[in-house]
Amino acid sequence: MHLTWLQNCVNNLVSLLLELNPGLVPLRNEMTQCTRRCVILRSPLGKIEIVGCETGIHEIRLEGKAEPQNGVEASISCEICEATGEMTEPLKQCIAWLQAYFTEPQLMLKLPVPPFHHHLLEQASFTRDVLWTLLRDVKFGEAVSYKQLAALAGHSKAARAVGGAMRRNPVPIIIPCHRVICSSGQPGNYTGGSHLKEWLLSHEKLQKEKLTY
């Protein structure tokens, strides 16, 4: 009985540490389950690094150094510029999804979202609830405030905490934290810089007008 109680305490502590420190990965997962592969795409936002394994996508990193140009559709492309190791199926799906997002949004809407393999998206937590709600309910070309997303996720008084969940999002663009804006209508902060968030919102607004749902 005492051992079970102690194990529960340890599990709760580990979950709390992972929630507060999203960069941490449980050692057993990293050593016994995952052989990670990396692909770098050259996109309108600059370089996008995708890290994944046979199970799913671990994270997407935005370099944030590019200054994307609005309204220059002819210059929009998304191509592989670097890759390490054999391409896994989740990486292939992620690349196809991101390429379609930038160049053929109509096709992107028909593609499956690649599987994820990150503790924040697998273990029960406030952050997971908010991120999955965002992925499910806020569609291409739409935007919600932090307060509205908190209500959608069933945590109506947690608008400030939603901002923290957006900062911990391991797979930006696919889980569209760029669609979460301030109640004032201002874009707010974003991974890689607010200029990337503004470009993504503008890109979706422009492309949504052309889409047939």
N, C-alpha and C. Protein backbone atom coordinates (compact mmCIF):
# COMPACT_ATOMS: atom_id res chain seq x y z
N MET A 1 0.84 -1.21 0.00
CA MET A 1 0.00 0.00 0.00
C MET A 1 0.87 1.25 0.00
N HIS A 2 1.88 1.26 0.90
CA HIS A 2 2.78 2.41 0.97
C HIS A 2 3.57 2.56 -0.32
N LEU A 3 3.96 1.42 -0.95
CA LEU A 3 4.72 1.46 -2.20
C LEU A 3 3.87 2.05 -3.32
N THR A 4 2.59 1.65 -3.38
CA THR A 4 1.70 2.19 -4.40
C THR A 4 1.53 3.70 -4.23
N TRP A 5 1.37 4.13 -2.99
CA TRP A 5 1.23 5.57 -2.72
C TRP A 5 2.48 6.32 -3.16
N LEU A 6 3.66 5.75 -2.87
CA LEU A 6 4.92 6.39 -3.24
C LEU A 6 5.06 6.46 -4.76
N GLN A 7 4.69 5.38 -5.46
CA GLN A 7 4.77 5.37 -6.92
C GLN A 7 3.86 6.43 -7.52
N ASN A 8 2.66 6.58 -6.94
CA ASN A 8 1.74 7.61 -7.43
C ASN A 8 2.33 9.00 -7.23
N CYS A 9 2.97 9.22 -6.08
CA CYS A 9 3.60 10.52 -5.81
C CYS A 9 4.70 10.81 -6.82
N VAL A 10 5.52 9.80 -7.10
CA VAL A 10 6.61 9.97 -8.08
C VAL A 10 6.05 10.27 -9.46
N ASN A 11 5.02 9.53 -9.87
CA ASN A 11 4.41 9.76 -11.19
C ASN A 11 3.84 11.16 -11.30
N ASN A 12 3.18 11.62 -10.23
CA ASN A 12 2.63 12.97 -10.24
C ASN A 12 3.72 14.02 -10.32
N LEU A 13 4.83 13.78 -9.61
CA LEU A 13 5.95 14.72 -9.65
C LEU A 13 6.57 14.77 -11.04
N VAL A 14 6.74 13.61 -11.67
CA VAL A 14 7.30 13.58 -13.03
C VAL A 14 6.39 14.32 -13.99
N SER A 15 5.07 14.10 -13.89
CA SER A 15 4.13 14.80 -14.77
C SER A 15 4.22 16.31 -14.59
N LEU A 16 4.35 16.75 -13.33
CA LEU A 16 4.46 18.19 -13.06
C LEU A 16 5.74 18.75 -13.66
N LEU A 17 6.85 18.04 -13.50
CA LEU A 17 8.13 18.50 -14.06
C LEU A 17 8.07 18.59 -15.57
N LEU A 18 7.44 17.63 -16.22
CA LEU A 18 7.32 17.64 -17.68
C LEU A 18 6.43 18.78 -18.14
N GLU A 19 5.41 19.08 -17.35
CA GLU A 19 4.51 20.18 -17.68
C GLU A 19 5.23 21.52 -17.58
N LEU A 20 6.05 21.67 -16.54
CA LEU A 20 6.75 22.94 -16.34
C LEU A 20 7.99 23.06 -17.19
N ASN A 21 8.54 21.93 -17.65
CA ASN A 21 9.77 21.93 -18.44
C ASN A 21 9.57 21.10 -19.70
N PRO A 22 8.93 21.65 -20.73
CA PRO A 22 8.58 20.88 -21.92
C PRO A 22 9.78 20.32 -22.66
N GLY A 23 10.98 20.83 -22.41
CA GLY A 23 12.15 20.29 -23.09
C GLY A 23 12.59 18.94 -22.55
N LEU A 24 12.10 18.58 -21.35
CA LEU A 24 12.47 17.31 -20.77
C LEU A 24 11.77 16.17 -21.48
N VAL A 25 12.46 15.06 -21.68
CA VAL A 25 11.87 13.87 -22.27
C VAL A 25 12.17 12.70 -21.34
N PRO A 26 11.15 11.89 -20.98
CA PRO A 26 11.42 10.76 -20.09
C PRO A 26 12.54 9.90 -20.65
N LEU A 27 13.50 9.53 -19.81
CA LEU A 27 14.68 8.83 -20.27
C LEU A 27 14.34 7.52 -20.96
N ARG A 28 13.37 6.77 -20.43
CA ARG A 28 13.05 5.48 -21.02
C ARG A 28 12.54 5.64 -22.44
N ASN A 29 11.78 6.71 -22.71
CA ASN A 29 11.27 6.93 -24.06
C ASN A 29 12.41 7.22 -25.02
N GLU A 30 13.32 8.08 -24.61
CA GLU A 30 14.39 8.52 -25.49
C GLU A 30 15.34 7.37 -25.79
N MET A 31 15.63 6.51 -24.79
CA MET A 31 16.65 5.49 -24.97
C MET A 31 16.12 4.21 -25.57
N THR A 32 14.89 3.83 -25.27
CA THR A 32 14.41 2.51 -25.67
C THR A 32 13.39 2.54 -26.79
N GLN A 33 12.81 3.69 -27.10
CA GLN A 33 11.73 3.70 -28.06
C GLN A 33 12.03 4.49 -29.33
N CYS A 34 12.81 5.55 -29.23
CA CYS A 34 12.90 6.49 -30.34
C CYS A 34 14.28 6.54 -30.98
N THR A 35 14.28 6.40 -32.30
CA THR A 35 15.44 6.76 -33.10
C THR A 35 15.03 7.98 -33.89
N ARG A 36 15.53 9.12 -33.50
CA ARG A 36 15.05 10.38 -34.06
C ARG A 36 15.68 10.68 -35.41
N ARG A 37 14.89 11.28 -36.28
CA ARG A 37 15.34 11.74 -37.58
C ARG A 37 15.00 13.23 -37.68
N CYS A 38 15.75 13.94 -38.48
CA CYS A 38 15.55 15.38 -38.62
C CYS A 38 15.47 15.76 -40.09
N VAL A 39 14.52 16.60 -40.42
CA VAL A 39 14.39 17.15 -41.77
C VAL A 39 14.27 18.66 -41.65
N ILE A 40 14.93 19.38 -42.53
CA ILE A 40 14.83 20.84 -42.55
C ILE A 40 14.21 21.28 -43.87
N LEU A 41 13.16 22.06 -43.78
CA LEU A 41 12.48 22.61 -44.95
C LEU A 41 12.86 24.07 -45.12
N ARG A 42 12.95 24.49 -46.36
CA ARG A 42 13.09 25.92 -46.66
C ARG A 42 11.70 26.43 -47.05
N SER A 43 11.18 27.36 -46.27
CA SER A 43 9.80 27.81 -46.43
C SER A 43 9.74 29.34 -46.48
N PRO A 44 8.57 29.91 -46.71
CA PRO A 44 8.44 31.37 -46.66
C PRO A 44 8.79 31.96 -45.30
N LEU A 45 8.76 31.13 -44.25
CA LEU A 45 9.09 31.60 -42.90
C LEU A 45 10.58 31.44 -42.60
N GLY A 46 11.34 30.94 -43.54
CA GLY A 46 12.73 30.57 -43.28
C GLY A 46 12.81 29.07 -43.10
N LYS A 47 13.85 28.61 -42.42
CA LYS A 47 14.02 27.18 -42.22
C LYS A 47 13.09 26.66 -41.13
N ILE A 48 12.50 25.49 -41.42
CA ILE A 48 11.64 24.79 -40.47
C ILE A 48 12.27 23.44 -40.20
N GLU A 49 12.60 23.16 -38.95
CA GLU A 49 13.20 21.87 -38.58
C GLU A 49 12.13 20.96 -38.00
N ILE A 50 12.04 19.75 -38.54
CA ILE A 50 11.08 18.76 -38.08
C ILE A 50 11.85 17.60 -37.47
N VAL A 51 11.51 17.22 -36.26
CA VAL A 51 12.15 16.09 -35.59
C VAL A 51 11.08 15.04 -35.32
N GLY A 52 11.36 13.80 -35.73
CA GLY A 52 10.39 12.74 -35.55
C GLY A 52 11.03 11.37 -35.50
N CYS A 53 10.21 10.37 -35.20
CA CYS A 53 10.67 8.98 -35.16
C CYS A 53 9.64 8.12 -35.88
N GLU A 54 9.76 6.80 -35.75
CA GLU A 54 8.80 5.90 -36.40
C GLU A 54 7.40 6.07 -35.84
N THR A 55 7.30 6.52 -34.59
CA THR A 55 6.00 6.64 -33.93
C THR A 55 5.27 7.92 -34.30
N GLY A 56 6.01 9.03 -34.37
CA GLY A 56 5.35 10.31 -34.66
C GLY A 56 6.32 11.47 -34.63
N ILE A 57 5.75 12.66 -34.72
CA ILE A 57 6.53 13.90 -34.75
C ILE A 57 6.80 14.36 -33.32
N HIS A 58 8.07 14.61 -33.02
CA HIS A 58 8.45 15.10 -31.69
C HIS A 58 8.27 16.61 -31.59
N GLU A 59 8.77 17.33 -32.58
CA GLU A 59 8.63 18.78 -32.52
C GLU A 59 8.91 19.41 -33.88
N ILE A 60 8.43 20.64 -34.00
CA ILE A 60 8.69 21.48 -35.17
C ILE A 60 9.30 22.78 -34.65
N ARG A 61 10.45 23.14 -35.20
CA ARG A 61 11.15 24.35 -34.74
C ARG A 61 11.21 25.37 -35.86
N LEU A 62 10.79 26.59 -35.55
CA LEU A 62 10.83 27.68 -36.52
C LEU A 62 12.06 28.53 -36.25
N GLU A 63 12.87 28.70 -37.28
CA GLU A 63 14.11 29.47 -37.11
C GLU A 63 13.83 30.93 -36.82
N GLY A 64 12.85 31.50 -37.53
CA GLY A 64 12.42 32.87 -37.25
C GLY A 64 13.32 33.96 -37.78
N LYS A 65 14.31 33.61 -38.61
CA LYS A 65 15.25 34.62 -39.09
C LYS A 65 14.79 35.29 -40.39
N ALA A 66 13.88 34.65 -41.10
CA ALA A 66 13.43 35.20 -42.38
C ALA A 66 12.44 36.34 -42.15
N GLU A 67 12.32 37.21 -43.15
CA GLU A 67 11.32 38.26 -43.15
C GLU A 67 10.36 37.97 -44.29
N PRO A 68 9.33 37.14 -44.03
CA PRO A 68 8.42 36.73 -45.10
C PRO A 68 7.69 37.92 -45.71
N GLN A 69 7.44 37.82 -47.01
CA GLN A 69 6.77 38.90 -47.73
C GLN A 69 5.31 38.53 -47.94
N ASN A 70 4.42 39.43 -47.59
CA ASN A 70 2.99 39.21 -47.79
C ASN A 70 2.59 39.49 -49.22
N GLY A 71 1.67 38.67 -49.71
CA GLY A 71 1.07 38.94 -51.00
C GLY A 71 1.90 38.55 -52.20
N VAL A 72 3.06 37.93 -51.99
CA VAL A 72 3.89 37.52 -53.13
C VAL A 72 3.71 36.02 -53.32
N GLU A 73 2.59 35.63 -53.90
CA GLU A 73 2.24 34.23 -54.00
C GLU A 73 3.24 33.45 -54.85
N ALA A 74 3.80 34.08 -55.88
CA ALA A 74 4.70 33.36 -56.77
C ALA A 74 5.95 32.88 -56.04
N SER A 75 6.29 33.54 -54.93
CA SER A 75 7.52 33.19 -54.22
C SER A 75 7.29 32.14 -53.14
N ILE A 76 6.04 31.70 -52.95
CA ILE A 76 5.74 30.74 -51.90
C ILE A 76 6.13 29.34 -52.33
N SER A 77 7.03 28.74 -51.60
CA SER A 77 7.44 27.36 -51.85
C SER A 77 7.86 26.74 -50.53
N CYS A 78 7.98 25.43 -50.52
CA CYS A 78 8.38 24.72 -49.31
C CYS A 78 9.08 23.44 -49.74
N GLU A 79 10.40 23.42 -49.63
CA GLU A 79 11.18 22.30 -50.14
C GLU A 79 12.15 21.78 -49.08
N ILE A 80 12.49 20.50 -49.19
CA ILE A 80 13.49 19.90 -48.30
C ILE A 80 14.86 20.43 -48.67
N CYS A 81 15.60 20.90 -47.68
CA CYS A 81 16.98 21.34 -47.94
C CYS A 81 18.00 20.50 -47.18
N GLU A 82 17.57 19.80 -46.12
CA GLU A 82 18.48 18.92 -45.38
C GLU A 82 17.66 17.78 -44.78
N ALA A 83 18.30 16.60 -44.66
CA ALA A 83 17.65 15.46 -44.03
C ALA A 83 18.71 14.53 -43.45
N THR A 84 18.41 13.96 -42.29
CA THR A 84 19.33 13.01 -41.66
C THR A 84 18.64 11.66 -41.52
N GLY A 85 19.30 10.60 -41.97
CA GLY A 85 18.76 9.26 -41.79
C GLY A 85 17.60 8.95 -42.72
N GLU A 86 17.06 7.77 -42.54
CA GLU A 86 15.95 7.30 -43.36
C GLU A 86 14.67 8.05 -42.99
N MET A 87 13.89 8.38 -44.01
CA MET A 87 12.65 9.13 -43.79
C MET A 87 11.57 8.21 -43.22
N THR A 88 11.05 8.56 -42.06
CA THR A 88 9.97 7.76 -41.46
C THR A 88 8.63 8.20 -42.03
N GLU A 89 7.62 7.35 -41.85
CA GLU A 89 6.30 7.67 -42.38
C GLU A 89 5.72 8.93 -41.75
N PRO A 90 5.81 9.12 -40.41
CA PRO A 90 5.32 10.38 -39.84
C PRO A 90 6.02 11.61 -40.41
N LEU A 91 7.33 11.52 -40.67
CA LEU A 91 8.04 12.65 -41.28
C LEU A 91 7.53 12.92 -42.69
N LYS A 92 7.30 11.86 -43.46
CA LYS A 92 6.75 12.03 -44.81
C LYS A 92 5.40 12.74 -44.76
N GLN A 93 4.55 12.30 -43.82
CA GLN A 93 3.23 12.92 -43.69
C GLN A 93 3.34 14.38 -43.28
N CYS A 94 4.26 14.66 -42.36
CA CYS A 94 4.43 16.03 -41.88
C CYS A 94 4.93 16.94 -43.00
N ILE A 95 5.90 16.46 -43.77
CA ILE A 95 6.43 17.25 -44.88
C ILE A 95 5.33 17.53 -45.89
N ALA A 96 4.57 16.50 -46.26
CA ALA A 96 3.49 16.68 -47.23
C ALA A 96 2.46 17.69 -46.71
N TRP A 97 2.14 17.60 -45.42
CA TRP A 97 1.15 18.51 -44.83
C TRP A 97 1.66 19.95 -44.88
N LEU A 98 2.91 20.18 -44.47
CA LEU A 98 3.45 21.54 -44.45
C LEU A 98 3.61 22.10 -45.86
N GLN A 99 4.05 21.28 -46.80
CA GLN A 99 4.17 21.75 -48.18
C GLN A 99 2.82 22.17 -48.73
N ALA A 100 1.79 21.37 -48.44
CA ALA A 100 0.45 21.72 -48.89
C ALA A 100 -0.07 22.97 -48.18
N TYR A 101 0.24 23.10 -46.90
CA TYR A 101 -0.20 24.29 -46.15
C TYR A 101 0.27 25.57 -46.83
N PHE A 102 1.51 25.58 -47.24
CA PHE A 102 2.07 26.80 -47.84
C PHE A 102 1.66 26.97 -49.30
N THR A 103 1.58 25.89 -50.05
CA THR A 103 1.41 26.02 -51.50
C THR A 103 0.05 25.59 -52.03
N GLU A 104 -0.62 24.64 -51.35
CA GLU A 104 -1.92 24.14 -51.81
C GLU A 104 -2.84 23.88 -50.62
N PRO A 105 -3.34 24.92 -49.97
CA PRO A 105 -4.18 24.72 -48.79
C PRO A 105 -5.40 23.84 -49.05
N GLN A 106 -5.94 23.87 -50.26
CA GLN A 106 -7.09 23.01 -50.57
C GLN A 106 -6.72 21.54 -50.40
N LEU A 107 -5.50 21.18 -50.81
CA LEU A 107 -5.02 19.81 -50.64
C LEU A 107 -4.73 19.52 -49.17
N MET A 108 -4.19 20.48 -48.47
CA MET A 108 -3.85 20.29 -47.06
C MET A 108 -5.07 19.90 -46.23
N LEU A 109 -6.23 20.46 -46.56
CA LEU A 109 -7.45 20.16 -45.82
C LEU A 109 -7.86 18.71 -45.95
N LYS A 110 -7.36 18.03 -46.99
CA LYS A 110 -7.72 16.63 -47.22
C LYS A 110 -6.67 15.66 -46.69
N LEU A 111 -5.53 16.17 -46.28
CA LEU A 111 -4.45 15.32 -45.80
C LEU A 111 -4.60 15.00 -44.32
N PRO A 112 -4.16 13.81 -43.90
CA PRO A 112 -4.20 13.49 -42.46
C PRO A 112 -3.16 14.30 -41.70
N VAL A 113 -3.50 14.68 -40.49
CA VAL A 113 -2.51 15.31 -39.61
C VAL A 113 -1.53 14.22 -39.18
N PRO A 114 -0.23 14.46 -39.27
CA PRO A 114 0.73 13.42 -38.88
C PRO A 114 0.60 13.07 -37.40
N PRO A 115 0.91 11.83 -37.03
CA PRO A 115 0.87 11.46 -35.61
C PRO A 115 1.96 12.20 -34.83
N PHE A 116 1.69 12.46 -33.57
CA PHE A 116 2.65 13.15 -32.71
C PHE A 116 3.23 12.17 -31.69
N HIS A 117 4.45 12.46 -31.24
CA HIS A 117 5.07 11.65 -30.19
C HIS A 117 5.82 12.59 -29.25
N HIS A 118 5.04 13.25 -28.40
CA HIS A 118 5.59 14.21 -27.45
C HIS A 118 4.77 14.13 -26.17
N HIS A 119 5.45 14.13 -25.02
CA HIS A 119 4.74 13.92 -23.76
C HIS A 119 3.65 14.94 -23.51
N LEU A 120 3.81 16.17 -23.98
CA LEU A 120 2.79 17.19 -23.74
C LEU A 120 1.49 16.89 -24.49
N LEU A 121 1.57 16.08 -25.53
CA LEU A 121 0.39 15.75 -26.31
C LEU A 121 -0.15 14.36 -25.98
N GLU A 122 0.53 13.66 -25.08
CA GLU A 122 0.13 12.30 -24.74
C GLU A 122 -0.35 12.17 -23.30
N GLN A 123 0.27 12.90 -22.39
CA GLN A 123 -0.06 12.79 -20.97
C GLN A 123 -1.14 13.79 -20.59
N ALA A 124 -2.11 13.34 -19.79
CA ALA A 124 -3.22 14.19 -19.39
C ALA A 124 -2.72 15.44 -18.68
N SER A 125 -3.14 16.60 -19.18
CA SER A 125 -2.75 17.88 -18.57
C SER A 125 -3.60 18.99 -19.16
N PHE A 126 -3.57 20.13 -18.53
CA PHE A 126 -4.25 21.31 -19.06
C PHE A 126 -3.71 21.67 -20.44
N THR A 127 -2.39 21.62 -20.59
CA THR A 127 -1.78 21.97 -21.88
C THR A 127 -2.28 21.06 -22.99
N ARG A 128 -2.33 19.76 -22.73
CA ARG A 128 -2.82 18.84 -23.75
C ARG A 128 -4.27 19.14 -24.12
N ASP A 129 -5.11 19.38 -23.13
CA ASP A 129 -6.51 19.70 -23.40
C ASP A 129 -6.64 20.90 -24.33
N VAL A 130 -5.87 21.95 -24.03
CA VAL A 130 -5.96 23.18 -24.81
C VAL A 130 -5.44 22.98 -26.23
N LEU A 131 -4.30 22.30 -26.36
CA LEU A 131 -3.70 22.11 -27.69
C LEU A 131 -4.57 21.24 -28.58
N TRP A 132 -5.13 20.17 -28.04
CA TRP A 132 -6.00 19.31 -28.85
C TRP A 132 -7.30 20.03 -29.21
N THR A 133 -7.82 20.84 -28.30
CA THR A 133 -9.01 21.63 -28.61
C THR A 133 -8.72 22.60 -29.75
N LEU A 134 -7.58 23.24 -29.69
CA LEU A 134 -7.18 24.18 -30.75
C LEU A 134 -7.09 23.47 -32.09
N LEU A 135 -6.44 22.32 -32.12
CA LEU A 135 -6.30 21.57 -33.37
C LEU A 135 -7.65 21.15 -33.93
N ARG A 136 -8.55 20.73 -33.06
CA ARG A 136 -9.84 20.20 -33.48
C ARG A 136 -10.83 21.29 -33.89
N ASP A 137 -10.84 22.41 -33.17
CA ASP A 137 -11.96 23.35 -33.30
C ASP A 137 -11.66 24.65 -34.05
N VAL A 138 -10.41 25.02 -34.17
CA VAL A 138 -10.09 26.31 -34.81
C VAL A 138 -9.49 26.03 -36.18
N LYS A 139 -10.28 26.28 -37.20
CA LYS A 139 -9.94 25.85 -38.55
C LYS A 139 -9.09 26.87 -39.31
N PHE A 140 -8.61 26.43 -40.46
CA PHE A 140 -7.81 27.26 -41.35
C PHE A 140 -8.52 28.58 -41.65
N GLY A 141 -7.83 29.68 -41.44
CA GLY A 141 -8.41 30.99 -41.72
C GLY A 141 -9.20 31.59 -40.58
N GLU A 142 -9.36 30.85 -39.48
CA GLU A 142 -10.09 31.36 -38.32
C GLU A 142 -9.11 31.86 -37.26
N ALA A 143 -9.64 32.57 -36.28
CA ALA A 143 -8.83 33.04 -35.15
C ALA A 143 -9.71 33.11 -33.92
N VAL A 144 -9.12 32.85 -32.76
CA VAL A 144 -9.83 32.95 -31.49
C VAL A 144 -8.94 33.71 -30.51
N SER A 145 -9.56 34.28 -29.50
CA SER A 145 -8.78 34.93 -28.44
C SER A 145 -8.35 33.87 -27.43
N TYR A 146 -7.40 34.24 -26.58
CA TYR A 146 -6.98 33.33 -25.52
C TYR A 146 -8.16 32.99 -24.61
N LYS A 147 -9.00 33.97 -24.36
CA LYS A 147 -10.18 33.76 -23.51
C LYS A 147 -11.16 32.80 -24.18
N GLN A 148 -11.38 32.98 -25.48
CA GLN A 148 -12.30 32.10 -26.20
C GLN A 148 -11.80 30.66 -26.22
N LEU A 149 -10.49 30.49 -26.43
CA LEU A 149 -9.94 29.14 -26.46
C LEU A 149 -10.04 28.48 -25.09
N ALA A 150 -9.83 29.26 -24.04
CA ALA A 150 -9.98 28.72 -22.69
C ALA A 150 -11.39 28.18 -22.48
N ALA A 151 -12.39 28.92 -22.96
CA ALA A 151 -13.78 28.48 -22.83
C ALA A 151 -14.04 27.23 -23.67
N LEU A 152 -13.51 27.19 -24.88
CA LEU A 152 -13.68 26.03 -25.75
C LEU A 152 -13.12 24.76 -25.10
N ALA A 153 -12.01 24.93 -24.38
CA ALA A 153 -11.35 23.79 -23.75
C ALA A 153 -11.96 23.43 -22.39
N GLY A 154 -13.00 24.18 -21.98
CA GLY A 154 -13.64 23.89 -20.71
C GLY A 154 -12.96 24.50 -19.50
N HIS A 155 -12.15 25.53 -19.74
CA HIS A 155 -11.44 26.21 -18.64
C HIS A 155 -11.64 27.72 -18.80
N SER A 156 -12.86 28.16 -18.66
CA SER A 156 -13.22 29.53 -19.02
C SER A 156 -12.46 30.62 -18.26
N LYS A 157 -11.93 30.30 -17.10
CA LYS A 157 -11.23 31.31 -16.31
C LYS A 157 -9.70 31.22 -16.44
N ALA A 158 -9.25 30.49 -17.44
CA ALA A 158 -7.81 30.22 -17.54
C ALA A 158 -7.18 30.83 -18.79
N ALA A 159 -7.63 32.02 -19.17
CA ALA A 159 -7.09 32.65 -20.39
C ALA A 159 -5.59 32.87 -20.30
N ARG A 160 -5.11 33.29 -19.15
CA ARG A 160 -3.67 33.54 -19.00
C ARG A 160 -2.88 32.23 -19.14
N ALA A 161 -3.42 31.15 -18.57
CA ALA A 161 -2.74 29.86 -18.67
C ALA A 161 -2.72 29.35 -20.10
N VAL A 162 -3.72 29.73 -20.89
CA VAL A 162 -3.73 29.35 -22.31
C VAL A 162 -2.50 29.92 -23.01
N GLY A 163 -2.12 31.13 -22.66
CA GLY A 163 -0.92 31.72 -23.25
C GLY A 163 0.30 30.86 -22.97
N GLY A 164 0.40 30.33 -21.76
CA GLY A 164 1.51 29.44 -21.42
C GLY A 164 1.47 28.16 -22.22
N ALA A 165 0.26 27.63 -22.44
CA ALA A 165 0.12 26.41 -23.24
C ALA A 165 0.57 26.65 -24.68
N MET A 166 0.28 27.84 -25.21
CA MET A 166 0.70 28.15 -26.58
C MET A 166 2.22 28.20 -26.68
N ARG A 167 2.87 28.74 -25.66
CA ARG A 167 4.34 28.80 -25.66
C ARG A 167 4.96 27.42 -25.62
N ARG A 168 4.25 26.45 -25.04
CA ARG A 168 4.79 25.10 -24.92
C ARG A 168 4.41 24.20 -26.09
N ASN A 169 3.68 24.71 -27.05
CA ASN A 169 3.25 23.92 -28.20
C ASN A 169 4.47 23.36 -28.94
N PRO A 170 4.63 22.03 -28.99
CA PRO A 170 5.82 21.46 -29.64
C PRO A 170 5.72 21.39 -31.16
N VAL A 171 4.52 21.56 -31.71
CA VAL A 171 4.36 21.42 -33.16
C VAL A 171 3.59 22.61 -33.75
N PRO A 172 4.19 23.81 -33.72
CA PRO A 172 3.52 24.98 -34.29
C PRO A 172 3.20 24.78 -35.77
N ILE A 173 2.27 25.55 -36.24
CA ILE A 173 1.66 25.51 -37.58
C ILE A 173 0.65 24.37 -37.65
N ILE A 174 1.08 23.13 -37.38
CA ILE A 174 0.12 22.02 -37.43
C ILE A 174 -0.90 22.16 -36.30
N ILE A 175 -0.44 22.30 -35.07
CA ILE A 175 -1.34 22.75 -34.00
C ILE A 175 -1.23 24.27 -34.02
N PRO A 176 -2.28 24.94 -34.51
CA PRO A 176 -2.16 26.33 -34.97
C PRO A 176 -2.21 27.39 -33.87
N CYS A 177 -1.18 27.45 -33.04
CA CYS A 177 -1.16 28.47 -31.99
C CYS A 177 -1.09 29.88 -32.57
N HIS A 178 -0.75 30.01 -33.86
CA HIS A 178 -0.75 31.33 -34.49
C HIS A 178 -2.17 31.88 -34.64
N ARG A 179 -3.18 31.02 -34.53
CA ARG A 179 -4.58 31.46 -34.67
C ARG A 179 -5.15 31.97 -33.35
N VAL A 180 -4.36 31.97 -32.31
CA VAL A 180 -4.81 32.47 -31.01
C VAL A 180 -4.25 33.87 -30.82
N ILE A 181 -5.14 34.85 -30.72
CA ILE A 181 -4.73 36.25 -30.69
C ILE A 181 -5.28 36.94 -29.44
N CYS A 182 -4.88 38.16 -29.24
CA CYS A 182 -5.36 38.95 -28.09
C CYS A 182 -6.81 39.37 -28.31
N SER A 183 -7.53 39.60 -27.23
CA SER A 183 -8.92 40.06 -27.32
C SER A 183 -9.03 41.40 -28.04
N SER A 184 -7.96 42.18 -28.01
CA SER A 184 -7.94 43.48 -28.70
C SER A 184 -7.83 43.35 -30.21
N GLY A 185 -7.53 42.13 -30.68
CA GLY A 185 -7.33 41.93 -32.11
C GLY A 185 -5.87 41.94 -32.51
N GLN A 186 -4.99 42.33 -31.59
CA GLN A 186 -3.55 42.29 -31.87
C GLN A 186 -3.07 40.84 -31.91
N PRO A 187 -2.08 40.55 -32.77
CA PRO A 187 -1.64 39.15 -32.91
C PRO A 187 -1.08 38.55 -31.62
N GLY A 188 -0.31 39.32 -30.88
CA GLY A 188 0.32 38.77 -29.69
C GLY A 188 1.63 38.08 -30.01
N ASN A 189 2.22 37.43 -29.02
CA ASN A 189 3.53 36.81 -29.18
C ASN A 189 3.44 35.50 -29.95
N TYR A 190 4.61 35.05 -30.44
CA TYR A 190 4.64 33.81 -31.22
C TYR A 190 6.05 33.25 -31.26
N THR A 191 6.15 31.93 -31.33
CA THR A 191 7.44 31.26 -31.51
C THR A 191 8.11 31.75 -32.78
N GLY A 192 9.34 32.22 -32.66
CA GLY A 192 10.06 32.70 -33.83
C GLY A 192 9.84 34.17 -34.12
N GLY A 193 8.86 34.79 -33.44
CA GLY A 193 8.63 36.21 -33.64
C GLY A 193 7.22 36.52 -34.12
N SER A 194 6.70 37.68 -33.71
CA SER A 194 5.33 38.06 -34.07
C SER A 194 5.19 38.27 -35.58
N HIS A 195 6.29 38.59 -36.28
CA HIS A 195 6.20 38.79 -37.73
C HIS A 195 5.82 37.49 -38.44
N LEU A 196 6.23 36.34 -37.89
CA LEU A 196 5.82 35.06 -38.48
C LEU A 196 4.33 34.81 -38.25
N LYS A 197 3.85 35.16 -37.07
CA LYS A 197 2.43 34.99 -36.76
C LYS A 197 1.58 35.85 -37.69
N GLU A 198 2.00 37.08 -37.90
CA GLU A 198 1.26 37.97 -38.79
C GLU A 198 1.24 37.43 -40.21
N TRP A 199 2.36 36.86 -40.65
CA TRP A 199 2.40 36.30 -42.01
C TRP A 199 1.46 35.12 -42.13
N LEU A 200 1.47 34.22 -41.14
CA LEU A 200 0.60 33.04 -41.19
C LEU A 200 -0.87 33.43 -41.20
N LEU A 201 -1.25 34.40 -40.38
CA LEU A 201 -2.64 34.85 -40.36
C LEU A 201 -3.03 35.48 -41.69
N SER A 202 -2.13 36.27 -42.26
CA SER A 202 -2.39 36.91 -43.55
C SER A 202 -2.47 35.87 -44.66
N HIS A 203 -1.57 34.90 -44.64
CA HIS A 203 -1.57 33.82 -45.63
C HIS A 203 -2.89 33.06 -45.60
N GLU A 204 -3.37 32.72 -44.41
CA GLU A 204 -4.61 31.97 -44.31
C GLU A 204 -5.82 32.80 -44.74
N LYS A 205 -5.81 34.06 -44.38
CA LYS A 205 -6.92 34.93 -44.78
C LYS A 205 -7.00 35.03 -46.30
N LEU A 206 -5.85 35.20 -46.93
CA LEU A 206 -5.80 35.31 -48.39
C LEU A 206 -6.24 34.01 -49.05
N GLN A 207 -5.73 32.88 -48.55
CA GLN A 207 -6.03 31.59 -49.18
C GLN A 207 -7.45 31.12 -48.90
N LYS A 208 -8.00 31.49 -47.75
CA LYS A 208 -9.35 31.03 -47.41
C LYS A 208 -10.38 31.54 -48.41
N GLU A 209 -10.14 32.72 -48.94
CA GLU A 209 -11.06 33.29 -49.92
C GLU A 209 -11.14 32.44 -51.19
N LYS A 210 -10.09 31.63 -51.42
CA LYS A 210 -10.04 30.82 -52.64
C LYS A 210 -10.52 29.39 -52.41
N LEU A 211 -10.69 29.02 -51.15
CA LEU A 211 -11.02 27.64 -50.84
C LEU A 211 -12.51 27.37 -50.99
N THR A 212 -12.82 26.15 -51.41
CA THR A 212 -14.20 25.70 -51.48
C THR A 212 -14.36 24.58 -50.48
N TYR A 213 -15.12 24.84 -49.43
CA TYR A 213 -15.27 23.83 -48.38
C TYR A 213 -16.36 22.84 -48.75
